Amino acid sequence: MVDGQAYTFGVSGKLWRNGLVIVHHQTETLWSGVTGEALQGKLKGKQLEILAAQPKVRWDEWKTAYPDSQVLTLYGFQDLDEDGYADYHFGPMTGVVPVANRDDRLHPKARVIAIRVGSREH
């Protein structure tokens, strides 16, 4: 949401600082998928409202909790038994552009959780 209004977004096919850039369909504004900041376009400088994260759940668990749910794909059913990004997830590469300020305290692909309480990040 931006300024209390819900928008629809899609994948732009672009990266910014090795992160996904999404496009706002109504204004074609480009947004950082990492920071939620509008990078370019009519809404440049705006910030997406941060919503509470949803836990990662398996489809069968979700379907049990929400039996009327549907999955929509562009081409119909897709076999998702294989992770199309497995080589990236388990390989040494950490983005398209090399990282300028590497920090070796954590594995480059370690999962981390960021928590914001009010305006403070933890």
N, C-alpha and C. Protein backbone atom coordinates (compact mmCIF):
# COMPACT_ATOMS: atom_id res chain seq x y z
N MET A 1 0.83 -1.17 0.00
CA MET A 1 0.00 0.00 0.00
C MET A 1 0.88 1.24 0.00
N VAL A 2 0.41 2.26 -0.67
CA VAL A 2 1.07 3.56 -0.70
C VAL A 2 0.01 4.60 -0.40
N ASP A 3 0.25 5.41 0.60
CA ASP A 3 -0.72 6.44 0.99
C ASP A 3 -2.12 5.86 1.19
N GLY A 4 -2.20 4.65 1.75
CA GLY A 4 -3.47 4.01 2.04
C GLY A 4 -4.18 3.39 0.86
N GLN A 5 -3.57 3.42 -0.32
CA GLN A 5 -4.19 2.86 -1.52
C GLN A 5 -3.46 1.58 -1.93
N ALA A 6 -4.22 0.54 -2.25
CA ALA A 6 -3.64 -0.73 -2.69
C ALA A 6 -3.32 -0.65 -4.18
N TYR A 7 -2.19 -1.18 -4.57
CA TYR A 7 -1.76 -1.19 -5.96
C TYR A 7 -1.44 -2.61 -6.39
N THR A 8 -1.32 -2.82 -7.69
CA THR A 8 -0.87 -4.11 -8.19
C THR A 8 0.52 -3.94 -8.80
N PHE A 9 1.34 -4.96 -8.61
CA PHE A 9 2.73 -4.92 -9.05
C PHE A 9 3.06 -6.16 -9.85
N GLY A 10 4.12 -6.07 -10.61
CA GLY A 10 4.64 -7.20 -11.36
C GLY A 10 6.15 -7.16 -11.35
N VAL A 11 6.76 -8.19 -11.87
CA VAL A 11 8.22 -8.27 -11.95
C VAL A 11 8.67 -7.45 -13.15
N SER A 12 9.64 -6.58 -12.95
CA SER A 12 10.12 -5.70 -14.03
C SER A 12 11.18 -6.37 -14.89
N GLY A 13 11.83 -7.41 -14.36
CA GLY A 13 12.96 -8.02 -15.07
C GLY A 13 14.26 -7.28 -14.81
N LYS A 14 14.23 -6.30 -13.93
CA LYS A 14 15.41 -5.50 -13.61
C LYS A 14 15.90 -5.82 -12.19
N LEU A 15 17.15 -5.48 -11.94
CA LEU A 15 17.73 -5.60 -10.60
C LEU A 15 18.27 -4.24 -10.19
N TRP A 16 18.25 -3.96 -8.89
CA TRP A 16 18.88 -2.78 -8.32
C TRP A 16 19.60 -3.23 -7.07
N ARG A 17 20.91 -3.03 -7.02
CA ARG A 17 21.74 -3.50 -5.91
C ARG A 17 21.53 -5.00 -5.69
N ASN A 18 21.49 -5.75 -6.77
CA ASN A 18 21.30 -7.20 -6.76
C ASN A 18 19.94 -7.63 -6.21
N GLY A 19 19.00 -6.73 -6.11
CA GLY A 19 17.68 -7.06 -5.60
C GLY A 19 16.61 -6.87 -6.66
N LEU A 20 15.53 -7.59 -6.51
CA LEU A 20 14.39 -7.54 -7.43
C LEU A 20 13.83 -6.13 -7.52
N VAL A 21 13.51 -5.71 -8.73
CA VAL A 21 12.80 -4.45 -8.95
C VAL A 21 11.41 -4.80 -9.46
N ILE A 22 10.40 -4.27 -8.78
CA ILE A 22 9.02 -4.53 -9.19
C ILE A 22 8.46 -3.29 -9.87
N VAL A 23 7.46 -3.49 -10.71
CA VAL A 23 6.86 -2.37 -11.43
C VAL A 23 5.40 -2.23 -11.01
N HIS A 24 5.01 -1.00 -10.74
CA HIS A 24 3.64 -0.66 -10.37
C HIS A 24 2.85 -0.55 -11.67
N HIS A 25 1.87 -1.40 -11.86
CA HIS A 25 1.15 -1.46 -13.13
C HIS A 25 0.44 -0.16 -13.50
N GLN A 26 -0.13 0.53 -12.54
CA GLN A 26 -0.93 1.71 -12.85
C GLN A 26 -0.09 2.90 -13.31
N THR A 27 1.12 3.08 -12.77
CA THR A 27 1.95 4.25 -13.11
C THR A 27 3.29 3.90 -13.75
N GLU A 28 3.58 2.60 -13.84
CA GLU A 28 4.86 2.11 -14.35
C GLU A 28 6.05 2.59 -13.51
N THR A 29 5.80 2.91 -12.25
CA THR A 29 6.87 3.28 -11.32
C THR A 29 7.65 2.02 -10.96
N LEU A 30 8.98 2.14 -10.89
CA LEU A 30 9.85 1.04 -10.50
C LEU A 30 10.17 1.14 -9.01
N TRP A 31 10.06 0.01 -8.32
CA TRP A 31 10.25 -0.04 -6.87
C TRP A 31 11.30 -1.07 -6.50
N SER A 32 12.06 -0.79 -5.45
CA SER A 32 12.97 -1.78 -4.89
C SER A 32 12.14 -2.80 -4.11
N GLY A 33 12.31 -4.08 -4.46
CA GLY A 33 11.63 -5.13 -3.72
C GLY A 33 12.25 -5.35 -2.35
N VAL A 34 13.45 -4.82 -2.13
CA VAL A 34 14.14 -4.97 -0.85
C VAL A 34 13.78 -3.85 0.11
N THR A 35 13.86 -2.61 -0.34
CA THR A 35 13.63 -1.47 0.55
C THR A 35 12.21 -0.93 0.50
N GLY A 36 11.46 -1.25 -0.56
CA GLY A 36 10.12 -0.72 -0.71
C GLY A 36 10.08 0.72 -1.17
N GLU A 37 11.20 1.22 -1.66
CA GLU A 37 11.30 2.61 -2.11
C GLU A 37 11.02 2.71 -3.61
N ALA A 38 10.26 3.73 -4.00
CA ALA A 38 10.03 3.99 -5.43
C ALA A 38 11.30 4.61 -6.00
N LEU A 39 11.90 3.93 -6.98
CA LEU A 39 13.19 4.33 -7.53
C LEU A 39 13.07 5.28 -8.71
N GLN A 40 12.05 5.05 -9.53
CA GLN A 40 11.92 5.82 -10.77
C GLN A 40 10.46 5.84 -11.18
N GLY A 41 10.00 6.98 -11.67
CA GLY A 41 8.63 7.08 -12.16
C GLY A 41 7.82 8.10 -11.38
N LYS A 42 6.53 8.09 -11.64
CA LYS A 42 5.60 9.07 -11.08
C LYS A 42 5.61 9.10 -9.55
N LEU A 43 5.82 7.94 -8.92
CA LEU A 43 5.76 7.85 -7.46
C LEU A 43 7.15 7.84 -6.81
N LYS A 44 8.18 8.25 -7.55
CA LYS A 44 9.56 8.25 -7.03
C LYS A 44 9.61 8.95 -5.67
N GLY A 45 10.33 8.30 -4.75
CA GLY A 45 10.47 8.86 -3.41
C GLY A 45 9.44 8.35 -2.41
N LYS A 46 8.37 7.74 -2.90
CA LYS A 46 7.35 7.18 -2.00
C LYS A 46 7.89 5.89 -1.39
N GLN A 47 7.28 5.46 -0.31
CA GLN A 47 7.69 4.25 0.40
C GLN A 47 6.49 3.32 0.53
N LEU A 48 6.68 2.04 0.22
CA LEU A 48 5.61 1.07 0.42
C LEU A 48 5.40 0.85 1.91
N GLU A 49 4.16 0.65 2.30
CA GLU A 49 3.85 0.33 3.69
C GLU A 49 4.32 -1.09 3.97
N ILE A 50 5.00 -1.27 5.08
CA ILE A 50 5.48 -2.60 5.45
C ILE A 50 4.34 -3.33 6.15
N LEU A 51 4.04 -4.51 5.65
CA LEU A 51 2.99 -5.35 6.23
C LEU A 51 3.62 -6.51 6.97
N ALA A 52 2.92 -7.04 7.93
CA ALA A 52 3.42 -8.18 8.68
C ALA A 52 3.69 -9.34 7.74
N ALA A 53 4.81 -10.00 7.92
CA ALA A 53 5.19 -11.13 7.07
C ALA A 53 4.32 -12.34 7.37
N GLN A 54 4.07 -13.11 6.35
CA GLN A 54 3.34 -14.36 6.52
C GLN A 54 4.35 -15.50 6.63
N PRO A 55 4.11 -16.45 7.51
CA PRO A 55 5.05 -17.57 7.61
C PRO A 55 5.05 -18.40 6.33
N LYS A 56 6.17 -19.01 6.05
CA LYS A 56 6.27 -19.88 4.88
C LYS A 56 5.56 -21.19 5.22
N VAL A 57 4.59 -21.56 4.41
CA VAL A 57 3.84 -22.79 4.66
C VAL A 57 3.80 -23.64 3.41
N ARG A 58 3.64 -24.92 3.63
CA ARG A 58 3.50 -25.84 2.49
C ARG A 58 2.10 -25.68 1.91
N TRP A 59 1.98 -25.98 0.62
CA TRP A 59 0.70 -25.82 -0.07
C TRP A 59 -0.39 -26.67 0.58
N ASP A 60 -0.08 -27.92 0.97
CA ASP A 60 -1.11 -28.77 1.56
C ASP A 60 -1.62 -28.19 2.88
N GLU A 61 -0.73 -27.56 3.66
CA GLU A 61 -1.16 -26.93 4.91
C GLU A 61 -2.04 -25.71 4.62
N TRP A 62 -1.61 -24.92 3.63
CA TRP A 62 -2.40 -23.74 3.25
C TRP A 62 -3.79 -24.16 2.77
N LYS A 63 -3.83 -25.19 1.91
CA LYS A 63 -5.09 -25.65 1.32
C LYS A 63 -6.03 -26.17 2.40
N THR A 64 -5.48 -26.80 3.44
CA THR A 64 -6.31 -27.26 4.55
C THR A 64 -6.91 -26.07 5.29
N ALA A 65 -6.09 -25.05 5.52
CA ALA A 65 -6.57 -23.86 6.24
C ALA A 65 -7.50 -23.00 5.39
N TYR A 66 -7.23 -22.96 4.08
CA TYR A 66 -8.00 -22.11 3.16
C TYR A 66 -8.43 -22.94 1.95
N PRO A 67 -9.43 -23.81 2.13
CA PRO A 67 -9.78 -24.78 1.08
C PRO A 67 -10.26 -24.18 -0.24
N ASP A 68 -10.70 -22.96 -0.25
CA ASP A 68 -11.17 -22.35 -1.50
C ASP A 68 -10.06 -21.66 -2.28
N SER A 69 -8.82 -21.74 -1.79
CA SER A 69 -7.70 -21.08 -2.46
C SER A 69 -7.41 -21.72 -3.80
N GLN A 70 -6.90 -20.91 -4.72
CA GLN A 70 -6.48 -21.40 -6.03
C GLN A 70 -5.10 -20.83 -6.34
N VAL A 71 -4.35 -21.55 -7.17
CA VAL A 71 -3.07 -21.06 -7.65
C VAL A 71 -3.23 -20.74 -9.11
N LEU A 72 -2.88 -19.54 -9.49
CA LEU A 72 -2.98 -19.12 -10.88
C LEU A 72 -1.60 -19.05 -11.48
N THR A 73 -1.45 -19.58 -12.69
CA THR A 73 -0.20 -19.48 -13.41
C THR A 73 -0.51 -19.02 -14.82
N LEU A 74 0.51 -18.50 -15.49
CA LEU A 74 0.33 -18.00 -16.84
C LEU A 74 -0.01 -19.13 -17.81
N TYR A 75 0.57 -20.31 -17.59
CA TYR A 75 0.42 -21.40 -18.55
C TYR A 75 -0.32 -22.60 -17.98
N GLY A 76 -1.06 -22.43 -16.91
CA GLY A 76 -1.74 -23.56 -16.31
C GLY A 76 -0.86 -24.25 -15.29
N PHE A 77 -1.06 -25.54 -15.13
CA PHE A 77 -0.32 -26.30 -14.11
C PHE A 77 1.17 -26.29 -14.39
N GLN A 78 1.94 -26.08 -13.34
CA GLN A 78 3.40 -26.16 -13.45
C GLN A 78 3.90 -27.16 -12.43
N ASP A 79 4.83 -28.00 -12.83
CA ASP A 79 5.44 -28.96 -11.92
C ASP A 79 6.53 -28.24 -11.14
N LEU A 80 6.31 -28.08 -9.84
CA LEU A 80 7.27 -27.35 -9.02
C LEU A 80 8.07 -28.28 -8.12
N ASP A 81 8.24 -29.54 -8.56
CA ASP A 81 9.04 -30.47 -7.77
C ASP A 81 10.50 -30.06 -7.74
N GLU A 82 10.95 -29.33 -8.76
CA GLU A 82 12.33 -28.89 -8.80
C GLU A 82 12.39 -27.39 -8.56
N ASP A 83 13.40 -26.98 -7.81
CA ASP A 83 13.64 -25.56 -7.56
C ASP A 83 14.46 -25.01 -8.71
N GLY A 84 13.89 -24.12 -9.50
CA GLY A 84 14.59 -23.53 -10.63
C GLY A 84 15.80 -22.71 -10.23
N TYR A 85 15.88 -22.36 -8.95
CA TYR A 85 17.01 -21.56 -8.46
C TYR A 85 17.96 -22.38 -7.59
N ALA A 86 17.86 -23.70 -7.62
CA ALA A 86 18.68 -24.54 -6.75
C ALA A 86 20.17 -24.26 -6.92
N ASP A 87 20.63 -24.13 -8.17
CA ASP A 87 22.06 -23.85 -8.38
C ASP A 87 22.47 -22.55 -7.71
N TYR A 88 21.61 -21.56 -7.78
CA TYR A 88 21.92 -20.29 -7.13
C TYR A 88 21.87 -20.43 -5.61
N HIS A 89 20.81 -21.06 -5.08
CA HIS A 89 20.66 -21.17 -3.63
C HIS A 89 21.82 -21.90 -2.98
N PHE A 90 22.34 -22.93 -3.63
CA PHE A 90 23.37 -23.75 -3.02
C PHE A 90 24.77 -23.48 -3.56
N GLY A 91 24.89 -22.64 -4.57
CA GLY A 91 26.19 -22.32 -5.14
C GLY A 91 26.83 -21.12 -4.48
N PRO A 92 28.06 -20.79 -4.87
CA PRO A 92 28.79 -19.69 -4.26
C PRO A 92 28.38 -18.30 -4.76
N MET A 93 27.69 -18.21 -5.89
CA MET A 93 27.34 -16.92 -6.46
C MET A 93 26.34 -16.18 -5.55
N THR A 94 26.56 -14.87 -5.35
CA THR A 94 25.67 -14.11 -4.46
C THR A 94 25.10 -12.88 -5.15
N GLY A 95 24.68 -13.03 -6.37
CA GLY A 95 24.08 -11.91 -7.08
C GLY A 95 24.68 -11.77 -8.46
N VAL A 96 24.18 -10.82 -9.21
CA VAL A 96 24.66 -10.58 -10.56
C VAL A 96 25.93 -9.73 -10.53
N VAL A 97 25.94 -8.75 -9.64
CA VAL A 97 27.08 -7.85 -9.49
C VAL A 97 27.82 -8.23 -8.21
N PRO A 98 29.16 -8.33 -8.25
CA PRO A 98 29.90 -8.67 -7.03
C PRO A 98 29.61 -7.68 -5.90
N VAL A 99 29.58 -8.20 -4.68
CA VAL A 99 29.31 -7.37 -3.51
C VAL A 99 30.54 -6.54 -3.18
N ALA A 100 30.36 -5.23 -2.99
CA ALA A 100 31.49 -4.32 -2.74
C ALA A 100 32.00 -4.44 -1.31
N ASN A 101 31.12 -4.55 -0.34
CA ASN A 101 31.51 -4.58 1.07
C ASN A 101 31.11 -5.90 1.70
N ARG A 102 31.86 -6.93 1.42
CA ARG A 102 31.52 -8.27 1.91
C ARG A 102 31.76 -8.36 3.42
N ASP A 103 30.82 -8.97 4.12
CA ASP A 103 30.91 -9.18 5.56
C ASP A 103 30.90 -10.68 5.79
N ASP A 104 31.98 -11.22 6.34
CA ASP A 104 32.12 -12.67 6.49
C ASP A 104 31.61 -13.20 7.83
N ARG A 105 30.90 -12.40 8.62
CA ARG A 105 30.39 -12.89 9.90
C ARG A 105 29.31 -13.96 9.71
N LEU A 106 28.59 -13.90 8.59
CA LEU A 106 27.57 -14.89 8.26
C LEU A 106 27.86 -15.46 6.89
N HIS A 107 27.37 -16.66 6.63
CA HIS A 107 27.46 -17.23 5.29
C HIS A 107 26.73 -16.27 4.35
N PRO A 108 27.24 -16.07 3.14
CA PRO A 108 26.61 -15.11 2.22
C PRO A 108 25.12 -15.35 1.96
N LYS A 109 24.66 -16.57 2.13
CA LYS A 109 23.25 -16.87 1.88
C LYS A 109 22.51 -17.31 3.14
N ALA A 110 23.04 -16.94 4.30
CA ALA A 110 22.37 -17.27 5.55
C ALA A 110 21.04 -16.54 5.61
N ARG A 111 20.02 -17.21 6.12
CA ARG A 111 18.72 -16.56 6.28
C ARG A 111 18.76 -15.72 7.55
N VAL A 112 18.27 -14.52 7.44
CA VAL A 112 18.21 -13.62 8.59
C VAL A 112 16.79 -13.07 8.70
N ILE A 113 16.44 -12.64 9.87
CA ILE A 113 15.13 -12.05 10.10
C ILE A 113 15.34 -10.63 10.61
N ALA A 114 14.68 -9.69 9.99
CA ALA A 114 14.73 -8.30 10.44
C ALA A 114 13.40 -7.97 11.08
N ILE A 115 13.46 -7.30 12.20
CA ILE A 115 12.24 -6.93 12.92
C ILE A 115 12.25 -5.42 13.11
N ARG A 116 11.14 -4.80 12.79
CA ARG A 116 11.00 -3.36 13.01
C ARG A 116 9.88 -3.14 14.01
N VAL A 117 10.22 -2.42 15.09
CA VAL A 117 9.24 -2.04 16.09
C VAL A 117 9.17 -0.52 16.05
N GLY A 118 8.04 -0.01 15.61
CA GLY A 118 7.95 1.44 15.41
C GLY A 118 8.91 1.85 14.32
N SER A 119 9.80 2.75 14.62
CA SER A 119 10.80 3.18 13.63
C SER A 119 12.16 2.55 13.88
N ARG A 120 12.25 1.64 14.85
CA ARG A 120 13.53 1.00 15.19
C ARG A 120 13.61 -0.38 14.55
N GLU A 121 14.77 -0.65 13.94
CA GLU A 121 15.01 -1.97 13.35
C GLU A 121 15.89 -2.76 14.30
N HIS A 122 15.61 -4.06 14.42
CA HIS A 122 16.37 -4.94 15.31
C HIS A 122 16.93 -6.11 14.53
